[in-house]
Amino acid sequence: MLYLHAYPSLPSSGYAKFTIGFDLEKPDVTVTAGHAIWLYGNDGKLLPMSTVYGDIVSTLTKFAERTRENSSQSLNNPPRYID
């Protein structure tokens, strides 16, 4: 199951980020797909949606590749974090 959480509004400039996580039922753990995805650049300005979507695609692609590579790993002991 994928949980989506969003803030109702973002500050006009500054700092905001989010992570993508998956809750597993068996075993009962949450796996984070990767590092936090930033919504603001170093200049404090909101990043373009295309940049944020690109980061989401990149994060999920890396997560899928590593999950496939580790598919022989026991689901009784999944990784808590995959970079």
PDB file of N, CA and C in Angstrom:
ATOM      1  N   MET A   1       0.844  -1.163   0.000  1.00  0.00           N
ATOM      2  CA  MET A   1       0.000   0.000   0.000  1.00  0.00           C
ATOM      3  C   MET A   1       0.891   1.228   0.000  1.00  0.00           C
ATOM      4  N   LEU A   2       0.561   2.195  -0.796  1.00  0.00           N
ATOM      5  CA  LEU A   2       1.302   3.453  -0.869  1.00  0.00           C
ATOM      6  C   LEU A   2       0.511   4.525  -0.135  1.00  0.00           C
ATOM      7  N   TYR A   3       1.176   5.190   0.784  1.00  0.00           N
ATOM      8  CA  TYR A   3       0.542   6.293   1.491  1.00  0.00           C
ATOM      9  C   TYR A   3       0.962   7.601   0.852  1.00  0.00           C
ATOM     10  N   LEU A   4       0.014   8.433   0.577  1.00  0.00           N
ATOM     11  CA  LEU A   4       0.291   9.762   0.048  1.00  0.00           C
ATOM     12  C   LEU A   4      -0.140  10.796   1.080  1.00  0.00           C
ATOM     13  N   HIS A   5       0.766  11.659   1.441  1.00  0.00           N
ATOM     14  CA  HIS A   5       0.451  12.736   2.372  1.00  0.00           C
ATOM     15  C   HIS A   5       0.884  14.040   1.733  1.00  0.00           C
ATOM     16  N   ALA A   6       0.096  15.061   1.835  1.00  0.00           N
ATOM     17  CA  ALA A   6       0.451  16.368   1.270  1.00  0.00           C
ATOM     18  C   ALA A   6       0.084  17.456   2.257  1.00  0.00           C
ATOM     19  N   TYR A   7       0.862  18.495   2.224  1.00  0.00           N
ATOM     20  CA  TYR A   7       0.550  19.643   3.043  1.00  0.00           C
ATOM     21  C   TYR A   7      -0.451  20.516   2.293  1.00  0.00           C
ATOM     22  N   PRO A   8      -1.395  21.129   2.979  1.00  0.00           N
ATOM     23  CA  PRO A   8      -2.413  21.932   2.295  1.00  0.00           C
ATOM     24  C   PRO A   8      -1.843  23.171   1.614  1.00  0.00           C
ATOM     25  N   SER A   9      -0.743  23.698   2.092  1.00  0.00           N
ATOM     26  CA  SER A   9      -0.127  24.853   1.451  1.00  0.00           C
ATOM     27  C   SER A   9       1.371  24.823   1.727  1.00  0.00           C
ATOM     28  N   LEU A  10       2.118  25.467   0.861  1.00  0.00           N
ATOM     29  CA  LEU A  10       3.563  25.539   1.017  1.00  0.00           C
ATOM     30  C   LEU A  10       3.952  26.982   1.275  1.00  0.00           C
ATOM     31  N   PRO A  11       5.020  27.187   2.019  1.00  0.00           N
ATOM     32  CA  PRO A  11       5.474  28.565   2.225  1.00  0.00           C
ATOM     33  C   PRO A  11       5.907  29.169   0.893  1.00  0.00           C
ATOM     34  N   SER A  12       5.831  30.485   0.764  1.00  0.00           N
ATOM     35  CA  SER A  12       6.177  31.148  -0.501  1.00  0.00           C
ATOM     36  C   SER A  12       7.648  30.949  -0.862  1.00  0.00           C
ATOM     37  N   SER A  13       8.484  30.766   0.114  1.00  0.00           N
ATOM     38  CA  SER A  13       9.878  30.411  -0.142  1.00  0.00           C
ATOM     39  C   SER A  13      10.402  29.681   1.081  1.00  0.00           C
ATOM     40  N   GLY A  14      11.415  28.887   0.877  1.00  0.00           N
ATOM     41  CA  GLY A  14      12.003  28.229   2.031  1.00  0.00           C
ATOM     42  C   GLY A  14      12.294  26.768   1.854  1.00  0.00           C
ATOM     43  N   TYR A  15      11.586  25.938   2.607  1.00  0.00           N
ATOM     44  CA  TYR A  15      12.014  24.573   2.816  1.00  0.00           C
ATOM     45  C   TYR A  15      10.809  23.643   2.864  1.00  0.00           C
ATOM     46  N   ALA A  16      10.802  22.632   2.011  1.00  0.00           N
ATOM     47  CA  ALA A  16       9.785  21.588   2.087  1.00  0.00           C
ATOM     48  C   ALA A  16      10.295  20.381   1.315  1.00  0.00           C
ATOM     49  N   LYS A  17      10.010  19.192   1.837  1.00  0.00           N
ATOM     50  CA  LYS A  17      10.413  17.960   1.183  1.00  0.00           C
ATOM     51  C   LYS A  17       9.456  16.858   1.599  1.00  0.00           C
ATOM     52  N   PHE A  18       9.521  15.718   0.889  1.00  0.00           N
ATOM     53  CA  PHE A  18       8.692  14.577   1.256  1.00  0.00           C
ATOM     54  C   PHE A  18       9.404  13.283   0.887  1.00  0.00           C
ATOM     55  N   THR A  19       8.927  12.191   1.448  1.00  0.00           N
ATOM     56  CA  THR A  19       9.453  10.864   1.118  1.00  0.00           C
ATOM     57  C   THR A  19       8.318  10.000   0.600  1.00  0.00           C
ATOM     58  N   ILE A  20       8.684   8.920  -0.065  1.00  0.00           N
ATOM     59  CA  ILE A  20       7.715   7.954  -0.564  1.00  0.00           C
ATOM     60  C   ILE A  20       7.949   6.655   0.195  1.00  0.00           C
ATOM     61  N   GLY A  21       6.908   6.152   0.825  1.00  0.00           N
ATOM     62  CA  GLY A  21       7.032   4.921   1.603  1.00  0.00           C
ATOM     63  C   GLY A  21       5.949   3.930   1.260  1.00  0.00           C
ATOM     64  N   PHE A  22       6.241   2.681   1.495  1.00  0.00           N
ATOM     65  CA  PHE A  22       5.297   1.598   1.249  1.00  0.00           C
ATOM     66  C   PHE A  22       5.109   0.818   2.542  1.00  0.00           C
ATOM     67  N   ASP A  23       3.867   0.610   2.942  1.00  0.00           N
ATOM     68  CA  ASP A  23       3.565  -0.227   4.103  1.00  0.00           C
ATOM     69  C   ASP A  23       3.346  -1.652   3.626  1.00  0.00           C
ATOM     70  N   LEU A  24       4.047  -2.575   4.250  1.00  0.00           N
ATOM     71  CA  LEU A  24       3.872  -3.991   3.944  1.00  0.00           C
ATOM     72  C   LEU A  24       2.999  -4.608   5.022  1.00  0.00           C
ATOM     73  N   GLU A  25       2.124  -5.505   4.612  1.00  0.00           N
ATOM     74  CA  GLU A  25       1.274  -6.168   5.596  1.00  0.00           C
ATOM     75  C   GLU A  25       1.991  -7.340   6.250  1.00  0.00           C
ATOM     76  N   LYS A  26       2.750  -8.089   5.478  1.00  0.00           N
ATOM     77  CA  LYS A  26       3.461  -9.255   6.021  1.00  0.00           C
ATOM     78  C   LYS A  26       4.894  -9.189   5.553  1.00  0.00           C
ATOM     79  N   PRO A  27       5.835  -8.860   6.384  1.00  0.00           N
ATOM     80  CA  PRO A  27       5.696  -8.442   7.772  1.00  0.00           C
ATOM     81  C   PRO A  27       5.193  -7.006   7.856  1.00  0.00           C
ATOM     82  N   ASP A  28       4.786  -6.618   9.022  1.00  0.00           N
ATOM     83  CA  ASP A  28       4.193  -5.300   9.243  1.00  0.00           C
ATOM     84  C   ASP A  28       5.301  -4.261   9.412  1.00  0.00           C
ATOM     85  N   VAL A  29       5.811  -3.758   8.283  1.00  0.00           N
ATOM     86  CA  VAL A  29       6.873  -2.754   8.299  1.00  0.00           C
ATOM     87  C   VAL A  29       6.586  -1.720   7.209  1.00  0.00           C
ATOM     88  N   THR A  30       7.255  -0.590   7.321  1.00  0.00           N
ATOM     89  CA  THR A  30       7.209   0.440   6.288  1.00  0.00           C
ATOM     90  C   THR A  30       8.580   0.526   5.643  1.00  0.00           C
ATOM     91  N   VAL A  31       8.612   0.555   4.328  1.00  0.00           N
ATOM     92  CA  VAL A  31       9.853   0.663   3.581  1.00  0.00           C
ATOM     93  C   VAL A  31       9.853   2.018   2.881  1.00  0.00           C
ATOM     94  N   THR A  32      10.912   2.792   3.070  1.00  0.00           N
ATOM     95  CA  THR A  32      11.047   4.077   2.400  1.00  0.00           C
ATOM     96  C   THR A  32      11.772   3.854   1.086  1.00  0.00           C
ATOM     97  N   ALA A  33      11.242   4.436   0.000  1.00  0.00           N
ATOM     98  CA  ALA A  33      11.790   4.193  -1.334  1.00  0.00           C
ATOM     99  C   ALA A  33      13.132   4.877  -1.559  1.00  0.00           C
ATOM    100  N   GLY A  34      13.428   5.934  -0.860  1.00  0.00           N
ATOM    101  CA  GLY A  34      14.689   6.644  -1.066  1.00  0.00           C
ATOM    102  C   GLY A  34      14.776   7.869  -0.190  1.00  0.00           C
ATOM    103  N   HIS A  35      15.726   8.718  -0.530  1.00  0.00           N
ATOM    104  CA  HIS A  35      15.900   9.966   0.218  1.00  0.00           C
ATOM    105  C   HIS A  35      14.707  10.893   0.011  1.00  0.00           C
ATOM    106  N   ALA A  36      14.632  11.908   0.832  1.00  0.00           N
ATOM    107  CA  ALA A  36      13.570  12.907   0.700  1.00  0.00           C
ATOM    108  C   ALA A  36      13.683  13.628  -0.635  1.00  0.00           C
ATOM    109  N   ILE A  37      12.542  13.961  -1.199  1.00  0.00           N
ATOM    110  CA  ILE A  37      12.475  14.704  -2.457  1.00  0.00           C
ATOM    111  C   ILE A  37      12.166  16.158  -2.105  1.00  0.00           C
ATOM    112  N   TRP A  38      13.018  17.046  -2.577  1.00  0.00           N
ATOM    113  CA  TRP A  38      12.901  18.456  -2.244  1.00  0.00           C
ATOM    114  C   TRP A  38      11.881  19.143  -3.124  1.00  0.00           C
ATOM    115  N   LEU A  39      11.156  20.064  -2.557  1.00  0.00           N
ATOM    116  CA  LEU A  39      10.210  20.877  -3.311  1.00  0.00           C
ATOM    117  C   LEU A  39      10.757  22.281  -3.588  1.00  0.00           C
ATOM    118  N   TYR A  40      11.847  22.641  -2.898  1.00  0.00           N
ATOM    119  CA  TYR A  40      12.469  23.951  -3.063  1.00  0.00           C
ATOM    120  C   TYR A  40      13.934  23.762  -3.422  1.00  0.00           C
ATOM    121  N   GLY A  41      14.460  24.665  -4.245  1.00  0.00           N
ATOM    122  CA  GLY A  41      15.871  24.655  -4.600  1.00  0.00           C
ATOM    123  C   GLY A  41      16.707  25.343  -3.548  1.00  0.00           C
ATOM    124  N   ASN A  42      18.019  25.343  -3.765  1.00  0.00           N
ATOM    125  CA  ASN A  42      18.934  25.996  -2.823  1.00  0.00           C
ATOM    126  C   ASN A  42      18.700  27.493  -2.723  1.00  0.00           C
ATOM    127  N   ASP A  43      18.078  28.068  -3.750  1.00  0.00           N
ATOM    128  CA  ASP A  43      17.791  29.498  -3.740  1.00  0.00           C
ATOM    129  C   ASP A  43      16.515  29.848  -2.987  1.00  0.00           C
ATOM    130  N   GLY A  44      15.836  28.837  -2.419  1.00  0.00           N
ATOM    131  CA  GLY A  44      14.610  29.074  -1.662  1.00  0.00           C
ATOM    132  C   GLY A  44      13.366  29.196  -2.512  1.00  0.00           C
ATOM    133  N   LYS A  45      13.497  28.953  -3.819  1.00  0.00           N
ATOM    134  CA  LYS A  45      12.345  29.040  -4.712  1.00  0.00           C
ATOM    135  C   LYS A  45      11.775  27.656  -5.005  1.00  0.00           C
ATOM    136  N   LEU A  46      10.472  27.615  -5.190  1.00  0.00           N
ATOM    137  CA  LEU A  46       9.787  26.371  -5.504  1.00  0.00           C
ATOM    138  C   LEU A  46      10.335  25.787  -6.801  1.00  0.00           C
ATOM    139  N   LEU A  47      10.647  24.483  -6.794  1.00  0.00           N
ATOM    140  CA  LEU A  47      11.167  23.822  -7.995  1.00  0.00           C
ATOM    141  C   LEU A  47      10.036  23.599  -9.005  1.00  0.00           C
ATOM    142  N   PRO A  48      10.355  23.566 -10.296  1.00  0.00           N
ATOM    143  CA  PRO A  48       9.335  23.267 -11.308  1.00  0.00           C
ATOM    144  C   PRO A  48       8.762  21.862 -11.094  1.00  0.00           C
ATOM    145  N   MET A  49       7.483  21.686 -11.402  1.00  0.00           N
ATOM    146  CA  MET A  49       6.850  20.376 -11.224  1.00  0.00           C
ATOM    147  C   MET A  49       7.593  19.299 -12.003  1.00  0.00           C
ATOM    148  N   SER A  50       8.114  19.642 -13.189  1.00  0.00           N
ATOM    149  CA  SER A  50       8.828  18.647 -13.992  1.00  0.00           C
ATOM    150  C   SER A  50      10.063  18.125 -13.257  1.00  0.00           C
ATOM    151  N   THR A  51      10.727  18.982 -12.506  1.00  0.00           N
ATOM    152  CA  THR A  51      11.891  18.559 -11.719  1.00  0.00           C
ATOM    153  C   THR A  51      11.465  17.629 -10.596  1.00  0.00           C
ATOM    154  N   VAL A  52      10.402  17.986  -9.897  1.00  0.00           N
ATOM    155  CA  VAL A  52       9.906  17.158  -8.791  1.00  0.00           C
ATOM    156  C   VAL A  52       9.434  15.808  -9.325  1.00  0.00           C
ATOM    157  N   TYR A  53       8.668  15.812 -10.430  1.00  0.00           N
ATOM    158  CA  TYR A  53       8.208  14.551 -11.019  1.00  0.00           C
ATOM    159  C   TYR A  53       9.386  13.704 -11.488  1.00  0.00           C
ATOM    160  N   GLY A  54      10.398  14.353 -12.047  1.00  0.00           N
ATOM    161  CA  GLY A  54      11.598  13.622 -12.457  1.00  0.00           C
ATOM    162  C   GLY A  54      12.277  12.952 -11.280  1.00  0.00           C
ATOM    163  N   ASP A  55      12.344  13.662 -10.148  1.00  0.00           N
ATOM    164  CA  ASP A  55      12.926  13.073  -8.937  1.00  0.00           C
ATOM    165  C   ASP A  55      12.091  11.899  -8.437  1.00  0.00           C
ATOM    166  N   ILE A  56      10.767  12.007  -8.535  1.00  0.00           N
ATOM    167  CA  ILE A  56       9.888  10.907  -8.121  1.00  0.00           C
ATOM    168  C   ILE A  56      10.131   9.682  -9.003  1.00  0.00           C
ATOM    169  N   VAL A  57      10.161   9.885 -10.312  1.00  0.00           N
ATOM    170  CA  VAL A  57      10.395   8.774 -11.243  1.00  0.00           C
ATOM    171  C   VAL A  57      11.757   8.142 -10.980  1.00  0.00           C
ATOM    172  N   SER A  58      12.775   8.963 -10.799  1.00  0.00           N
ATOM    173  CA  SER A  58      14.118   8.458 -10.530  1.00  0.00           C
ATOM    174  C   SER A  58      14.163   7.642  -9.241  1.00  0.00           C
ATOM    175  N   THR A  59      13.544   8.160  -8.183  1.00  0.00           N
ATOM    176  CA  THR A  59      13.510   7.461  -6.895  1.00  0.00           C
ATOM    177  C   THR A  59      12.810   6.117  -7.018  1.00  0.00           C
ATOM    178  N   LEU A  60      11.646   6.099  -7.672  1.00  0.00           N
ATOM    179  CA  LEU A  60      10.891   4.855  -7.795  1.00  0.00           C
ATOM    180  C   LEU A  60      11.575   3.866  -8.735  1.00  0.00           C
ATOM    181  N   THR A  61      12.257   4.360  -9.772  1.00  0.00           N
ATOM    182  CA  THR A  61      12.992   3.473 -10.671  1.00  0.00           C
ATOM    183  C   THR A  61      14.139   2.793  -9.939  1.00  0.00           C
ATOM    184  N   LYS A  62      14.908   3.570  -9.170  1.00  0.00           N
ATOM    185  CA  LYS A  62      16.001   2.993  -8.381  1.00  0.00           C
ATOM    186  C   LYS A  62      15.463   1.997  -7.361  1.00  0.00           C
ATOM    187  N   PHE A  63      14.347   2.335  -6.724  1.00  0.00           N
ATOM    188  CA  PHE A  63      13.727   1.451  -5.741  1.00  0.00           C
ATOM    189  C   PHE A  63      13.322   0.127  -6.398  1.00  0.00           C
ATOM    190  N   ALA A  64      12.692   0.205  -7.572  1.00  0.00           N
ATOM    191  CA  ALA A  64      12.255  -1.002  -8.280  1.00  0.00           C
ATOM    192  C   ALA A  64      13.446  -1.858  -8.686  1.00  0.00           C
ATOM    193  N   GLU A  65      14.518  -1.223  -9.179  1.00  0.00           N
ATOM    194  CA  GLU A  65      15.709  -1.975  -9.579  1.00  0.00           C
ATOM    195  C   GLU A  65      16.331  -2.690  -8.395  1.00  0.00           C
ATOM    196  N   ARG A  66      16.459  -1.996  -7.299  1.00  0.00           N
ATOM    197  CA  ARG A  66      17.069  -2.626  -6.107  1.00  0.00           C
ATOM    198  C   ARG A  66      16.161  -3.691  -5.518  1.00  0.00           C
ATOM    199  N   THR A  67      14.864  -3.485  -5.612  1.00  0.00           N
ATOM    200  CA  THR A  67      13.932  -4.498  -5.123  1.00  0.00           C
ATOM    201  C   THR A  67      14.061  -5.765  -5.961  1.00  0.00           C
ATOM    202  N   ARG A  68      14.161  -5.601  -7.291  1.00  0.00           N
ATOM    203  CA  ARG A  68      14.361  -6.757  -8.180  1.00  0.00           C
ATOM    204  C   ARG A  68      15.673  -7.459  -7.866  1.00  0.00           C
ATOM    205  N   GLU A  69      16.744  -6.677  -7.673  1.00  0.00           N
ATOM    206  CA  GLU A  69      18.048  -7.256  -7.352  1.00  0.00           C
ATOM    207  C   GLU A  69      18.007  -8.053  -6.059  1.00  0.00           C
ATOM    208  N   ASN A  70      17.216  -7.590  -5.119  1.00  0.00           N
ATOM    209  CA  ASN A  70      17.133  -8.235  -3.800  1.00  0.00           C
ATOM    210  C   ASN A  70      15.923  -9.157  -3.675  1.00  0.00           C
ATOM    211  N   SER A  71      15.332  -9.541  -4.796  1.00  0.00           N
ATOM    212  CA  SER A  71      14.099 -10.326  -4.733  1.00  0.00           C
ATOM    213  C   SER A  71      14.295 -11.668  -4.048  1.00  0.00           C
ATOM    214  N   SER A  72      15.524 -12.142  -3.989  1.00  0.00           N
ATOM    215  CA  SER A  72      15.766 -13.413  -3.313  1.00  0.00           C
ATOM    216  C   SER A  72      15.844 -13.249  -1.802  1.00  0.00           C
ATOM    217  N   GLN A  73      15.903 -11.992  -1.347  1.00  0.00           N
ATOM    218  CA  GLN A  73      15.945 -11.740   0.096  1.00  0.00           C
ATOM    219  C   GLN A  73      14.624 -12.132   0.727  1.00  0.00           C
ATOM    220  N   SER A  74      14.691 -12.686   1.891  1.00  0.00           N
ATOM    221  CA  SER A  74      13.490 -13.113   2.597  1.00  0.00           C
ATOM    222  C   SER A  74      12.592 -11.935   2.922  1.00  0.00           C
ATOM    223  N   LEU A  75      11.300 -12.064   2.649  1.00  0.00           N
ATOM    224  CA  LEU A  75      10.352 -11.019   3.011  1.00  0.00           C
ATOM    225  C   LEU A  75      10.145 -10.931   4.517  1.00  0.00           C
ATOM    226  N   ASN A  76      10.640 -11.925   5.240  1.00  0.00           N
ATOM    227  CA  ASN A  76      10.545 -11.859   6.702  1.00  0.00           C
ATOM    228  C   ASN A  76      11.537 -10.867   7.292  1.00  0.00           C
ATOM    229  N   ASN A  77      12.476 -10.401   6.460  1.00  0.00           N
ATOM    230  CA  ASN A  77      13.483  -9.447   6.932  1.00  0.00           C
ATOM    231  C   ASN A  77      13.772  -8.434   5.829  1.00  0.00           C
ATOM    232  N   PRO A  78      12.788  -7.636   5.399  1.00  0.00           N
ATOM    233  CA  PRO A  78      13.010  -6.669   4.310  1.00  0.00           C
ATOM    234  C   PRO A  78      13.849  -5.493   4.787  1.00  0.00           C
ATOM    235  N   PRO A  79      14.521  -4.808   3.856  1.00  0.00           N
ATOM    236  CA  PRO A  79      15.270  -3.625   4.263  1.00  0.00           C
ATOM    237  C   PRO A  79      14.328  -2.522   4.716  1.00  0.00           C
ATOM    238  N   ARG A  80      14.741  -1.747   5.697  1.00  0.00           N
ATOM    239  CA  ARG A  80      13.916  -0.628   6.181  1.00  0.00           C
ATOM    240  C   ARG A  80      14.084   0.583   5.279  1.00  0.00           C
ATOM    241  N   TYR A  81      15.231   0.654   4.592  1.00  0.00           N
ATOM    242  CA  TYR A  81      15.498   1.813   3.742  1.00  0.00           C
ATOM    243  C   TYR A  81      16.281   1.345   2.540  1.00  0.00           C
ATOM    244  N   ILE A  82      15.885   1.780   1.372  1.00  0.00           N
ATOM    245  CA  ILE A  82      16.631   1.467   0.158  1.00  0.00           C
ATOM    246  C   ILE A  82      17.003   2.774  -0.491  1.00  0.00           C
ATOM    247  N   ASP A  83      18.306   3.014  -0.623  1.00  0.00           N
ATOM    248  CA  ASP A  83      18.800   4.268  -1.196  1.00  0.00           C
ATOM    249  C   ASP A  83      18.734   4.228  -2.705  1.00  0.00           C
TER     250      ASP A  83
END
